[in-house]
Each structure stands twice: as structure tokens, then as C-alpha cells.
Amino acid sequence: MSEVDKLKNKGEEFKGNVKEGAGRASGDKDLEAEGQADQSKGNLKQAGEKVKDAFKGN
């Protein structure tokens, strides 16, 4: 299940990147900030998966 979680987290990061770009292109600061938040959340979750993997010995 860890691989599925990693893919979901990467997808969330990508979605945030797209939102940020769309917000920047359209001048929508709220959308840009939402995209940055989604990216941060995805990155944080990925870091958590790496910590879990380290404790598992992977």
C-alpha cells in the first residue's frame, strides 16, 4: 500500500503545481496559494512515507 500512497502524494504535488501555474497565469492569488499549499501537503506526505520506509528497512 505504500507505493499507492506515494503515487497519490506525487499526484497531489502535481495537482498543486498545476493550480499554482494557473493561478499565476490568471492573476488569481488565491488559486496560486492553494496550489502552493497542495504542493506542500504532498511533499510533507512524501517525507512521511520516506520515514516509514526507513523504519521498515526499505
N, C-alpha and C. Protein backbone atom coordinates (compact mmCIF):
# COMPACT_ATOMS: atom_id res chain seq x y z
N MET A 1 0.82 -1.20 0.00
CA MET A 1 0.00 0.00 0.00
C MET A 1 0.85 1.25 0.00
N SER A 2 2.07 1.14 0.42
CA SER A 2 2.95 2.29 0.50
C SER A 2 3.20 2.89 -0.89
N GLU A 3 3.32 2.04 -1.90
CA GLU A 3 3.54 2.55 -3.26
C GLU A 3 2.34 3.34 -3.75
N VAL A 4 1.15 2.88 -3.41
CA VAL A 4 -0.07 3.59 -3.79
C VAL A 4 -0.09 4.95 -3.11
N ASP A 5 0.26 5.00 -1.85
CA ASP A 5 0.30 6.27 -1.12
C ASP A 5 1.31 7.21 -1.75
N LYS A 6 2.46 6.69 -2.14
CA LYS A 6 3.48 7.52 -2.77
C LYS A 6 2.97 8.12 -4.06
N LEU A 7 2.26 7.32 -4.86
CA LEU A 7 1.71 7.83 -6.11
C LEU A 7 0.65 8.90 -5.86
N LYS A 8 -0.20 8.67 -4.86
CA LYS A 8 -1.22 9.67 -4.52
C LYS A 8 -0.57 10.98 -4.09
N ASN A 9 0.48 10.88 -3.29
CA ASN A 9 1.17 12.07 -2.81
C ASN A 9 1.82 12.82 -3.97
N LYS A 10 2.41 12.07 -4.89
CA LYS A 10 3.03 12.70 -6.06
C LYS A 10 1.97 13.38 -6.91
N GLY A 11 0.79 12.73 -7.03
CA GLY A 11 -0.32 13.31 -7.77
C GLY A 11 -0.81 14.60 -7.14
N GLU A 12 -0.87 14.62 -5.82
CA GLU A 12 -1.30 15.82 -5.11
C GLU A 12 -0.29 16.96 -5.35
N GLU A 13 0.98 16.62 -5.33
CA GLU A 13 2.01 17.62 -5.59
C GLU A 13 1.88 18.16 -7.01
N PHE A 14 1.64 17.27 -7.97
CA PHE A 14 1.49 17.69 -9.37
C PHE A 14 0.26 18.59 -9.53
N LYS A 15 -0.85 18.18 -8.91
CA LYS A 15 -2.09 18.97 -8.98
C LYS A 15 -1.84 20.37 -8.42
N GLY A 16 -1.09 20.44 -7.33
CA GLY A 16 -0.76 21.74 -6.74
C GLY A 16 0.07 22.59 -7.66
N ASN A 17 0.99 21.94 -8.37
CA ASN A 17 1.85 22.64 -9.31
C ASN A 17 1.01 23.24 -10.44
N VAL A 18 0.04 22.46 -10.93
CA VAL A 18 -0.85 22.94 -11.99
C VAL A 18 -1.69 24.11 -11.49
N LYS A 19 -2.25 23.97 -10.29
CA LYS A 19 -3.07 25.05 -9.71
C LYS A 19 -2.25 26.32 -9.55
N GLU A 20 -1.03 26.15 -9.04
CA GLU A 20 -0.18 27.32 -8.84
C GLU A 20 0.09 28.03 -10.17
N GLY A 21 0.40 27.24 -11.19
CA GLY A 21 0.67 27.82 -12.51
C GLY A 21 -0.55 28.51 -13.09
N ALA A 22 -1.71 27.90 -12.94
CA ALA A 22 -2.94 28.50 -13.44
C ALA A 22 -3.25 29.79 -12.69
N GLY A 23 -3.04 29.77 -11.39
CA GLY A 23 -3.28 30.98 -10.60
C GLY A 23 -2.33 32.09 -10.97
N ARG A 24 -1.07 31.73 -11.21
CA ARG A 24 -0.08 32.73 -11.59
C ARG A 24 -0.42 33.30 -12.96
N ALA A 25 -0.81 32.43 -13.90
CA ALA A 25 -1.13 32.88 -15.26
C ALA A 25 -2.37 33.76 -15.31
N SER A 26 -3.35 33.46 -14.46
CA SER A 26 -4.60 34.23 -14.49
C SER A 26 -4.60 35.39 -13.50
N GLY A 27 -3.56 35.48 -12.68
CA GLY A 27 -3.51 36.55 -11.68
C GLY A 27 -4.35 36.26 -10.45
N ASP A 28 -4.79 35.01 -10.29
CA ASP A 28 -5.62 34.61 -9.15
C ASP A 28 -4.70 34.18 -8.00
N LYS A 29 -4.47 35.09 -7.08
CA LYS A 29 -3.55 34.81 -5.96
C LYS A 29 -4.06 33.71 -5.05
N ASP A 30 -5.39 33.60 -4.90
CA ASP A 30 -5.97 32.55 -4.06
C ASP A 30 -5.68 31.17 -4.65
N LEU A 31 -5.86 31.03 -5.94
CA LEU A 31 -5.60 29.75 -6.61
C LEU A 31 -4.11 29.41 -6.55
N GLU A 32 -3.29 30.42 -6.73
CA GLU A 32 -1.84 30.22 -6.64
C GLU A 32 -1.45 29.73 -5.25
N ALA A 33 -2.00 30.36 -4.22
CA ALA A 33 -1.70 29.97 -2.83
C ALA A 33 -2.24 28.56 -2.54
N GLU A 34 -3.42 28.25 -3.07
CA GLU A 34 -3.98 26.91 -2.88
C GLU A 34 -3.07 25.86 -3.53
N GLY A 35 -2.54 26.18 -4.69
CA GLY A 35 -1.62 25.27 -5.37
C GLY A 35 -0.35 25.06 -4.57
N GLN A 36 0.17 26.12 -4.00
CA GLN A 36 1.37 26.00 -3.18
C GLN A 36 1.10 25.16 -1.94
N ALA A 37 -0.09 25.32 -1.36
CA ALA A 37 -0.46 24.54 -0.18
C ALA A 37 -0.58 23.06 -0.54
N ASP A 38 -1.18 22.76 -1.69
CA ASP A 38 -1.31 21.37 -2.12
C ASP A 38 0.07 20.75 -2.34
N GLN A 39 0.98 21.51 -2.93
CA GLN A 39 2.33 21.01 -3.14
C GLN A 39 3.02 20.72 -1.81
N SER A 40 2.87 21.63 -0.88
CA SER A 40 3.50 21.44 0.44
C SER A 40 2.93 20.22 1.14
N LYS A 41 1.63 20.04 1.03
CA LYS A 41 0.98 18.89 1.67
C LYS A 41 1.49 17.59 1.04
N GLY A 42 1.61 17.58 -0.28
CA GLY A 42 2.13 16.40 -0.97
C GLY A 42 3.56 16.11 -0.58
N ASN A 43 4.37 17.15 -0.49
CA ASN A 43 5.78 16.98 -0.10
C ASN A 43 5.89 16.46 1.33
N LEU A 44 5.07 16.97 2.21
CA LEU A 44 5.09 16.53 3.61
C LEU A 44 4.70 15.07 3.72
N LYS A 45 3.68 14.68 2.98
CA LYS A 45 3.26 13.28 2.99
C LYS A 45 4.34 12.37 2.43
N GLN A 46 5.02 12.83 1.38
CA GLN A 46 6.11 12.03 0.81
C GLN A 46 7.24 11.86 1.83
N ALA A 47 7.53 12.91 2.55
CA ALA A 47 8.57 12.82 3.58
C ALA A 47 8.16 11.81 4.65
N GLY A 48 6.89 11.80 5.01
CA GLY A 48 6.40 10.83 5.98
C GLY A 48 6.55 9.40 5.48
N GLU A 49 6.30 9.18 4.19
CA GLU A 49 6.47 7.85 3.60
C GLU A 49 7.94 7.44 3.64
N LYS A 50 8.83 8.38 3.40
CA LYS A 50 10.26 8.07 3.44
C LYS A 50 10.69 7.67 4.84
N VAL A 51 10.14 8.34 5.84
CA VAL A 51 10.46 8.00 7.23
C VAL A 51 9.94 6.60 7.54
N LYS A 52 8.71 6.31 7.11
CA LYS A 52 8.16 4.96 7.33
C LYS A 52 9.05 3.90 6.68
N ASP A 53 9.48 4.18 5.45
CA ASP A 53 10.33 3.23 4.73
C ASP A 53 11.66 3.03 5.47
N ALA A 54 12.20 4.09 6.02
CA ALA A 54 13.47 4.00 6.74
C ALA A 54 13.33 3.09 7.96
N PHE A 55 12.20 3.19 8.64
CA PHE A 55 11.98 2.34 9.82
C PHE A 55 11.69 0.90 9.44
N LYS A 56 11.13 0.71 8.25
CA LYS A 56 10.86 -0.65 7.78
C LYS A 56 12.13 -1.32 7.27
N GLY A 57 13.13 -0.50 6.95
CA GLY A 57 14.38 -1.04 6.43
C GLY A 57 14.40 -1.15 4.93
N ASN A 58 13.51 -0.45 4.23
CA ASN A 58 13.48 -0.45 2.76
C ASN A 58 14.42 0.57 2.21
